[in-house]
PDB file of N, CA and C in Angstrom:
ATOM      1  N   UNK A   1     104.854  64.425 125.575  1.00  0.00           N
ATOM      2  CA  UNK A   1     103.827  65.339 125.183  1.00  0.00           C
ATOM      3  C   UNK A   1     103.146  65.039 123.849  1.00  0.00           C
ATOM      4  N   UNK A   2     101.894  65.028 123.792  1.00  0.00           N
ATOM      5  CA  UNK A   2     101.320  64.714 122.441  1.00  0.00           C
ATOM      6  C   UNK A   2     101.217  66.091 121.590  1.00  0.00           C
ATOM      7  N   UNK A   3     101.354  65.544 120.373  1.00  0.00           N
ATOM      8  CA  UNK A   3     101.257  66.735 119.473  1.00  0.00           C
ATOM      9  C   UNK A   3      99.984  67.161 119.040  1.00  0.00           C
ATOM     10  N   UNK A   4      99.698  68.473 119.035  1.00  0.00           N
ATOM     11  CA  UNK A   4      98.285  68.937 118.796  1.00  0.00           C
ATOM     12  C   UNK A   4      98.109  69.371 117.253  1.00  0.00           C
ATOM     13  N   UNK A   5      97.099  69.068 116.838  1.00  0.00           N
ATOM     14  CA  UNK A   5      96.828  69.539 115.425  1.00  0.00           C
ATOM     15  C   UNK A   5      95.627  70.256 115.394  1.00  0.00           C
ATOM     16  N   UNK A   6      95.489  71.180 114.403  1.00  0.00           N
ATOM     17  CA  UNK A   6      94.363  72.101 114.377  1.00  0.00           C
ATOM     18  C   UNK A   6      93.830  71.974 112.624  1.00  0.00           C
ATOM     19  N   UNK A   7      92.736  71.872 112.752  1.00  0.00           N
ATOM     20  CA  UNK A   7      92.176  71.818 111.258  1.00  0.00           C
ATOM     21  C   UNK A   7      91.751  73.231 110.868  1.00  0.00           C
ATOM     22  N   UNK A   8      92.122  73.552 109.677  1.00  0.00           N
ATOM     23  CA  UNK A   8      91.873  74.894 109.130  1.00  0.00           C
ATOM     24  C   UNK A   8      90.649  74.718 108.007  1.00  0.00           C
ATOM     25  N   UNK A   9      89.711  75.646 108.061  1.00  0.00           N
ATOM     26  CA  UNK A   9      88.612  75.682 107.189  1.00  0.00           C
ATOM     27  C   UNK A   9      88.985  76.654 106.084  1.00  0.00           C
ATOM     28  N   UNK A  10      88.794  76.410 104.932  1.00  0.00           N
ATOM     29  CA  UNK A  10      89.191  77.630 103.863  1.00  0.00           C
ATOM     30  C   UNK A  10      87.695  77.897 103.168  1.00  0.00           C
ATOM     31  N   UNK A  11      87.512  79.048 103.435  1.00  0.00           N
ATOM     32  CA  UNK A  11      86.238  79.696 102.597  1.00  0.00           C
ATOM     33  C   UNK A  11      86.579  80.342 101.382  1.00  0.00           C
ATOM     34  N   UNK A  12      86.274  79.875 100.255  1.00  0.00           N
ATOM     35  CA  UNK A  12      86.790  80.651  98.903  1.00  0.00           C
ATOM     36  C   UNK A  12      85.850  81.686  98.748  1.00  0.00           C
ATOM     37  N   UNK A  13      86.135  82.976  98.718  1.00  0.00           N
ATOM     38  CA  UNK A  13      85.354  84.124  98.249  1.00  0.00           C
ATOM     39  C   UNK A  13      85.579  84.566  96.784  1.00  0.00           C
ATOM     40  N   UNK A  14      84.843  85.162  96.224  1.00  0.00           N
ATOM     41  CA  UNK A  14      85.059  85.553  94.895  1.00  0.00           C
ATOM     42  C   UNK A  14      86.047  86.699  94.811  1.00  0.00           C
ATOM     43  N   UNK A  15      86.800  86.945  93.900  1.00  0.00           N
ATOM     44  CA  UNK A  15      87.944  87.792  93.896  1.00  0.00           C
ATOM     45  C   UNK A  15      87.321  89.190  93.817  1.00  0.00           C
ATOM     46  N   UNK A  16      86.224  89.431  93.310  1.00  0.00           N
ATOM     47  CA  UNK A  16      85.596  90.786  93.411  1.00  0.00           C
ATOM     48  C   UNK A  16      84.189  90.550  94.143  1.00  0.00           C
ATOM     49  N   UNK A  17      84.082  91.692  94.924  1.00  0.00           N
ATOM     50  CA  UNK A  17      82.925  91.649  95.722  1.00  0.00           C
ATOM     51  C   UNK A  17      81.550  91.668  94.577  1.00  0.00           C
ATOM     52  N   UNK A  18      80.581  91.028  95.095  1.00  0.00           N
ATOM     53  CA  UNK A  18      79.310  90.962  94.075  1.00  0.00           C
ATOM     54  C   UNK A  18      78.879  92.312  93.550  1.00  0.00           C
ATOM     55  N   UNK A  19      79.084  93.286  94.518  1.00  0.00           N
ATOM     56  CA  UNK A  19      78.227  94.729  93.885  1.00  0.00           C
ATOM     57  C   UNK A  19      79.392  95.289  92.833  1.00  0.00           C
ATOM     58  N   UNK A  20      80.420  94.579  92.648  1.00  0.00           N
ATOM     59  CA  UNK A  20      81.432  95.103  91.636  1.00  0.00           C
ATOM     60  C   UNK A  20      81.652  94.208  90.418  1.00  0.00           C
ATOM     61  N   UNK A  21      80.727  93.336  90.315  1.00  0.00           N
ATOM     62  CA  UNK A  21      80.935  92.354  89.089  1.00  0.00           C
ATOM     63  C   UNK A  21      80.220  93.110  87.905  1.00  0.00           C
ATOM     64  N   UNK A  22      80.940  92.809  86.675  1.00  0.00           N
ATOM     65  CA  UNK A  22      80.226  93.263  85.668  1.00  0.00           C
ATOM     66  C   UNK A  22      79.031  92.691  85.307  1.00  0.00           C
ATOM     67  N   UNK A  23      78.302  93.158  84.461  1.00  0.00           N
ATOM     68  CA  UNK A  23      77.104  92.481  83.905  1.00  0.00           C
ATOM     69  C   UNK A  23      77.427  91.671  82.758  1.00  0.00           C
ATOM     70  N   UNK A  24      76.292  91.181  82.284  1.00  0.00           N
ATOM     71  CA  UNK A  24      76.321  90.107  80.974  1.00  0.00           C
ATOM     72  C   UNK A  24      76.626  91.267  79.791  1.00  0.00           C
ATOM     73  N   UNK A  25      75.979  92.120  79.820  1.00  0.00           N
ATOM     74  CA  UNK A  25      75.993  93.298  78.572  1.00  0.00           C
ATOM     75  C   UNK A  25      76.835  94.479  79.186  1.00  0.00           C
ATOM     76  N   UNK A  26      78.061  94.803  78.557  1.00  0.00           N
ATOM     77  CA  UNK A  26      78.804  95.813  78.896  1.00  0.00           C
ATOM     78  C   UNK A  26      78.053  97.243  78.625  1.00  0.00           C
ATOM     79  N   UNK A  27      78.371  98.070  79.625  1.00  0.00           N
ATOM     80  CA  UNK A  27      77.840  99.412  79.387  1.00  0.00           C
ATOM     81  C   UNK A  27      78.885 100.111  78.537  1.00  0.00           C
ATOM     82  N   UNK A  28      78.448 101.263  77.854  1.00  0.00           N
ATOM     83  CA  UNK A  28      79.348 101.914  76.981  1.00  0.00           C
ATOM     84  C   UNK A  28      79.954 103.009  77.986  1.00  0.00           C
ATOM     85  N   UNK A  29      81.133 103.392  77.677  1.00  0.00           N
ATOM     86  CA  UNK A  29      81.924 104.531  78.280  1.00  0.00           C
ATOM     87  C   UNK A  29      80.882 105.780  78.435  1.00  0.00           C
ATOM     88  N   UNK A  30      80.225 106.148  77.423  1.00  0.00           N
ATOM     89  CA  UNK A  30      79.218 107.247  77.451  1.00  0.00           C
ATOM     90  C   UNK A  30      78.190 107.181  78.287  1.00  0.00           C
ATOM     91  N   UNK A  31      77.722 105.894  78.309  1.00  0.00           N
ATOM     92  CA  UNK A  31      76.524 105.854  79.201  1.00  0.00           C
ATOM     93  C   UNK A  31      77.003 105.843  80.775  1.00  0.00           C
ATOM     94  N   UNK A  32      78.277 105.426  81.030  1.00  0.00           N
ATOM     95  CA  UNK A  32      78.619 105.293  82.390  1.00  0.00           C
ATOM     96  C   UNK A  32      79.063 106.762  82.842  1.00  0.00           C
ATOM     97  N   UNK A  33      79.558 107.583  81.970  1.00  0.00           N
ATOM     98  CA  UNK A  33      79.916 108.976  82.193  1.00  0.00           C
ATOM     99  C   UNK A  33      78.535 109.718  82.705  1.00  0.00           C
ATOM    100  N   UNK A  34      77.496 109.301  81.850  1.00  0.00           N
ATOM    101  CA  UNK A  34      76.173 110.062  82.046  1.00  0.00           C
ATOM    102  C   UNK A  34      75.677 109.628  83.410  1.00  0.00           C
ATOM    103  N   UNK A  35      75.795 108.312  83.763  1.00  0.00           N
ATOM    104  CA  UNK A  35      75.367 107.754  84.861  1.00  0.00           C
ATOM    105  C   UNK A  35      76.113 108.446  86.031  1.00  0.00           C
ATOM    106  N   UNK A  36      77.392 108.365  85.893  1.00  0.00           N
ATOM    107  CA  UNK A  36      78.170 109.016  87.054  1.00  0.00           C
ATOM    108  C   UNK A  36      77.862 110.589  87.353  1.00  0.00           C
ATOM    109  N   UNK A  37      77.497 111.295  86.159  1.00  0.00           N
ATOM    110  CA  UNK A  37      77.166 112.622  86.315  1.00  0.00           C
ATOM    111  C   UNK A  37      75.733 112.829  87.014  1.00  0.00           C
ATOM    112  N   UNK A  38      74.898 111.938  86.876  1.00  0.00           N
ATOM    113  CA  UNK A  38      73.516 111.772  87.492  1.00  0.00           C
ATOM    114  C   UNK A  38      73.708 111.273  89.011  1.00  0.00           C
ATOM    115  N   UNK A  39      74.536 110.478  89.381  1.00  0.00           N
ATOM    116  CA  UNK A  39      74.788 110.124  90.592  1.00  0.00           C
ATOM    117  C   UNK A  39      75.287 111.244  91.304  1.00  0.00           C
ATOM    118  N   UNK A  40      76.382 111.846  90.881  1.00  0.00           N
ATOM    119  CA  UNK A  40      77.154 113.017  91.558  1.00  0.00           C
ATOM    120  C   UNK A  40      75.970 114.130  91.782  1.00  0.00           C
ATOM    121  N   UNK A  41      75.072 114.354  90.863  1.00  0.00           N
ATOM    122  CA  UNK A  41      74.215 115.575  90.996  1.00  0.00           C
ATOM    123  C   UNK A  41      73.228 115.132  92.149  1.00  0.00           C
ATOM    124  N   UNK A  42      72.983 113.880  92.144  1.00  0.00           N
ATOM    125  CA  UNK A  42      71.932 113.224  93.314  1.00  0.00           C
ATOM    126  C   UNK A  42      72.752 113.217  94.627  1.00  0.00           C
ATOM    127  N   UNK A  43      73.943 113.037  94.598  1.00  0.00           N
ATOM    128  CA  UNK A  43      74.677 113.047  95.959  1.00  0.00           C
ATOM    129  C   UNK A  43      74.717 114.524  96.455  1.00  0.00           C
ATOM    130  N   UNK A  44      75.055 115.382  95.559  1.00  0.00           N
ATOM    131  CA  UNK A  44      74.966 116.945  95.979  1.00  0.00           C
ATOM    132  C   UNK A  44      73.497 117.316  96.571  1.00  0.00           C
ATOM    133  N   UNK A  45      72.689 116.968  95.943  1.00  0.00           N
ATOM    134  CA  UNK A  45      71.196 117.120  96.367  1.00  0.00           C
ATOM    135  C   UNK A  45      70.838 116.584  97.683  1.00  0.00           C
ATOM    136  N   UNK A  46      71.315 115.324  97.872  1.00  0.00           N
ATOM    137  CA  UNK A  46      70.918 114.703  99.216  1.00  0.00           C
ATOM    138  C   UNK A  46      71.820 115.434 100.200  1.00  0.00           C
ATOM    139  N   UNK A  47      72.893 115.829  99.999  1.00  0.00           N
ATOM    140  CA  UNK A  47      73.725 116.371 100.986  1.00  0.00           C
ATOM    141  C   UNK A  47      73.133 117.752 101.439  1.00  0.00           C
ATOM    142  N   UNK A  48      72.748 118.477 100.388  1.00  0.00           N
ATOM    143  CA  UNK A  48      72.000 119.802 100.601  1.00  0.00           C
ATOM    144  C   UNK A  48      70.743 119.639 101.537  1.00  0.00           C
ATOM    145  N   UNK A  49      70.037 118.439 101.360  1.00  0.00           N
ATOM    146  CA  UNK A  49      68.730 118.420 102.001  1.00  0.00           C
ATOM    147  C   UNK A  49      69.189 117.649 103.530  1.00  0.00           C
ATOM    148  N   UNK A  50      70.441 117.190 103.645  1.00  0.00           N
ATOM    149  CA  UNK A  50      70.891 116.662 105.017  1.00  0.00           C
ATOM    150  C   UNK A  50      70.319 115.367 105.305  1.00  0.00           C
ATOM    151  N   UNK A  51      70.223 114.510 104.226  1.00  0.00           N
ATOM    152  CA  UNK A  51      69.835 113.240 104.362  1.00  0.00           C
ATOM    153  C   UNK A  51      70.485 112.307 105.335  1.00  0.00           C
ATOM    154  N   UNK A  52      69.888 111.262 105.879  1.00  0.00           N
ATOM    155  CA  UNK A  52      70.842 110.311 106.656  1.00  0.00           C
ATOM    156  C   UNK A  52      71.815 109.548 106.008  1.00  0.00           C
ATOM    157  N   UNK A  53      72.891 109.157 106.787  1.00  0.00           N
ATOM    158  CA  UNK A  53      73.996 108.443 106.368  1.00  0.00           C
ATOM    159  C   UNK A  53      73.821 107.283 105.579  1.00  0.00           C
ATOM    160  N   UNK A  54      72.558 106.455 105.836  1.00  0.00           N
ATOM    161  CA  UNK A  54      72.386 105.324 105.205  1.00  0.00           C
ATOM    162  C   UNK A  54      72.114 105.541 103.646  1.00  0.00           C
ATOM    163  N   UNK A  55      71.209 106.781 103.368  1.00  0.00           N
ATOM    164  CA  UNK A  55      70.998 107.079 101.920  1.00  0.00           C
ATOM    165  C   UNK A  55      72.277 107.563 101.207  1.00  0.00           C
ATOM    166  N   UNK A  56      73.105 108.359 102.066  1.00  0.00           N
ATOM    167  CA  UNK A  56      74.378 108.767 101.308  1.00  0.00           C
ATOM    168  C   UNK A  56      75.182 107.446 101.107  1.00  0.00           C
ATOM    169  N   UNK A  57      75.355 106.538 101.832  1.00  0.00           N
ATOM    170  CA  UNK A  57      75.993 105.309 101.675  1.00  0.00           C
ATOM    171  C   UNK A  57      75.609 104.661 100.502  1.00  0.00           C
ATOM    172  N   UNK A  58      74.289 104.548 100.366  1.00  0.00           N
ATOM    173  CA  UNK A  58      73.793 103.684  99.017  1.00  0.00           C
ATOM    174  C   UNK A  58      74.107 104.509  97.642  1.00  0.00           C
ATOM    175  N   UNK A  59      74.097 105.720  97.778  1.00  0.00           N
ATOM    176  CA  UNK A  59      74.437 106.467  96.708  1.00  0.00           C
ATOM    177  C   UNK A  59      75.960 106.339  96.588  1.00  0.00           C
ATOM    178  N   UNK A  60      76.760 106.442  97.645  1.00  0.00           N
ATOM    179  CA  UNK A  60      78.420 106.148  97.542  1.00  0.00           C
ATOM    180  C   UNK A  60      78.699 105.049  96.694  1.00  0.00           C
ATOM    181  N   UNK A  61      77.836 103.940  97.069  1.00  0.00           N
ATOM    182  CA  UNK A  61      78.203 102.591  96.536  1.00  0.00           C
ATOM    183  C   UNK A  61      77.746 102.553  95.055  1.00  0.00           C
ATOM    184  N   UNK A  62      76.788 103.090  94.758  1.00  0.00           N
ATOM    185  CA  UNK A  62      76.179 103.134  93.360  1.00  0.00           C
ATOM    186  C   UNK A  62      77.315 103.926  92.495  1.00  0.00           C
ATOM    187  N   UNK A  63      77.642 105.033  93.092  1.00  0.00           N
ATOM    188  CA  UNK A  63      78.736 105.846  92.457  1.00  0.00           C
ATOM    189  C   UNK A  63      80.105 105.044  92.255  1.00  0.00           C
ATOM    190  N   UNK A  64      80.486 104.287  93.246  1.00  0.00           N
ATOM    191  CA  UNK A  64      81.601 103.607  93.313  1.00  0.00           C
ATOM    192  C   UNK A  64      81.567 102.510  92.304  1.00  0.00           C
ATOM    193  N   UNK A  65      80.443 101.722  92.051  1.00  0.00           N
ATOM    194  CA  UNK A  65      80.313 100.851  91.262  1.00  0.00           C
ATOM    195  C   UNK A  65      80.138 101.309  89.843  1.00  0.00           C
ATOM    196  N   UNK A  66      79.587 102.292  89.463  1.00  0.00           N
ATOM    197  CA  UNK A  66      79.680 103.060  88.335  1.00  0.00           C
ATOM    198  C   UNK A  66      81.136 103.510  87.818  1.00  0.00           C
ATOM    199  N   UNK A  67      81.933 104.010  88.779  1.00  0.00           N
ATOM    200  CA  UNK A  67      83.314 104.319  88.409  1.00  0.00           C
ATOM    201  C   UNK A  67      84.070 103.115  88.182  1.00  0.00           C
ATOM    202  N   UNK A  68      83.914 102.001  88.824  1.00  0.00           N
ATOM    203  CA  UNK A  68      84.491 100.673  88.509  1.00  0.00           C
ATOM    204  C   UNK A  68      84.284 100.240  87.196  1.00  0.00           C
ATOM    205  N   UNK A  69      82.892 100.280  86.834  1.00  0.00           N
ATOM    206  CA  UNK A  69      82.594  99.770  85.624  1.00  0.00           C
ATOM    207  C   UNK A  69      83.279 100.695  84.515  1.00  0.00           C
ATOM    208  N   UNK A  70      83.283 101.835  84.690  1.00  0.00           N
ATOM    209  CA  UNK A  70      83.798 102.833  83.798  1.00  0.00           C
ATOM    210  C   UNK A  70      85.303 102.529  83.560  1.00  0.00           C
ATOM    211  N   UNK A  71      86.030 102.067  84.687  1.00  0.00           N
ATOM    212  CA  UNK A  71      87.444 101.920  84.439  1.00  0.00           C
ATOM    213  C   UNK A  71      87.621 100.833  83.595  1.00  0.00           C
ATOM    214  N   UNK A  72      86.679  99.673  83.746  1.00  0.00           N
ATOM    215  CA  UNK A  72      86.860  98.490  83.040  1.00  0.00           C
ATOM    216  C   UNK A  72      86.411  98.710  81.611  1.00  0.00           C
ATOM    217  N   UNK A  73      85.496  99.491  81.311  1.00  0.00           N
ATOM    218  CA  UNK A  73      84.875  99.762  79.936  1.00  0.00           C
ATOM    219  C   UNK A  73      86.093 100.603  79.232  1.00  0.00           C
ATOM    220  N   UNK A  74      86.614 101.583  79.742  1.00  0.00           N
ATOM    221  CA  UNK A  74      87.836 102.205  79.185  1.00  0.00           C
ATOM    222  C   UNK A  74      89.049 101.209  78.869  1.00  0.00           C
ATOM    223  N   UNK A  75      89.381 100.170  79.822  1.00  0.00           N
ATOM    224  CA  UNK A  75      90.428  99.342  79.651  1.00  0.00           C
ATOM    225  C   UNK A  75      89.968  98.389  78.322  1.00  0.00           C
ATOM    226  N   UNK A  76      88.707  98.074  78.224  1.00  0.00           N
ATOM    227  CA  UNK A  76      88.280  97.157  77.143  1.00  0.00           C
ATOM    228  C   UNK A  76      88.416  97.832  75.967  1.00  0.00           C
ATOM    229  N   UNK A  77      87.930  99.187  75.885  1.00  0.00           N
ATOM    230  CA  UNK A  77      87.984 100.045  74.744  1.00  0.00           C
ATOM    231  C   UNK A  77      89.261 100.126  74.129  1.00  0.00           C
ATOM    232  N   UNK A  78      90.282 100.524  75.029  1.00  0.00           N
ATOM    233  CA  UNK A  78      91.829 101.025  74.548  1.00  0.00           C
ATOM    234  C   UNK A  78      92.713  99.732  74.587  1.00  0.00           C
ATOM    235  N   UNK A  79      92.273  98.801  75.277  1.00  0.00           N
ATOM    236  CA  UNK A  79      93.155  97.578  75.285  1.00  0.00           C
ATOM    237  C   UNK A  79      92.900  96.808  73.807  1.00  0.00           C
ATOM    238  N   UNK A  80      91.757  96.831  73.299  1.00  0.00           N
ATOM    239  CA  UNK A  80      91.492  96.245  72.016  1.00  0.00           C
ATOM    240  C   UNK A  80      92.114  97.130  70.916  1.00  0.00           C
ATOM    241  N   UNK A  81      92.174  98.525  71.181  1.00  0.00           N
ATOM    242  CA  UNK A  81      92.714  99.502  70.161  1.00  0.00           C
ATOM    243  C   UNK A  81      94.282  99.378  70.001  1.00  0.00           C
ATOM    244  N   UNK A  82      94.794  98.946  70.903  1.00  0.00           N
ATOM    245  CA  UNK A  82      96.464  98.669  70.901  1.00  0.00           C
ATOM    246  C   UNK A  82      96.932  97.839  70.082  1.00  0.00           C
TER     247      UNK A  82
END
């Protein structure tokens, strides 16, 4: 019986999804807190108006990205302080 071989293809993906990569200029902790506050207020208004799921999802992604950036900004701030 002949031996069967299968070729495997490897696709390299970035470790971090593109929408969660940090920009070239770091945001400050304070500016990110302001951004998160605005996005949260916007989300509440969107829910009150009963907008479609796609608009809520865009807001959710923006909010998650801002929170992700905030966590990294805090790590940068306090890691250097230690």
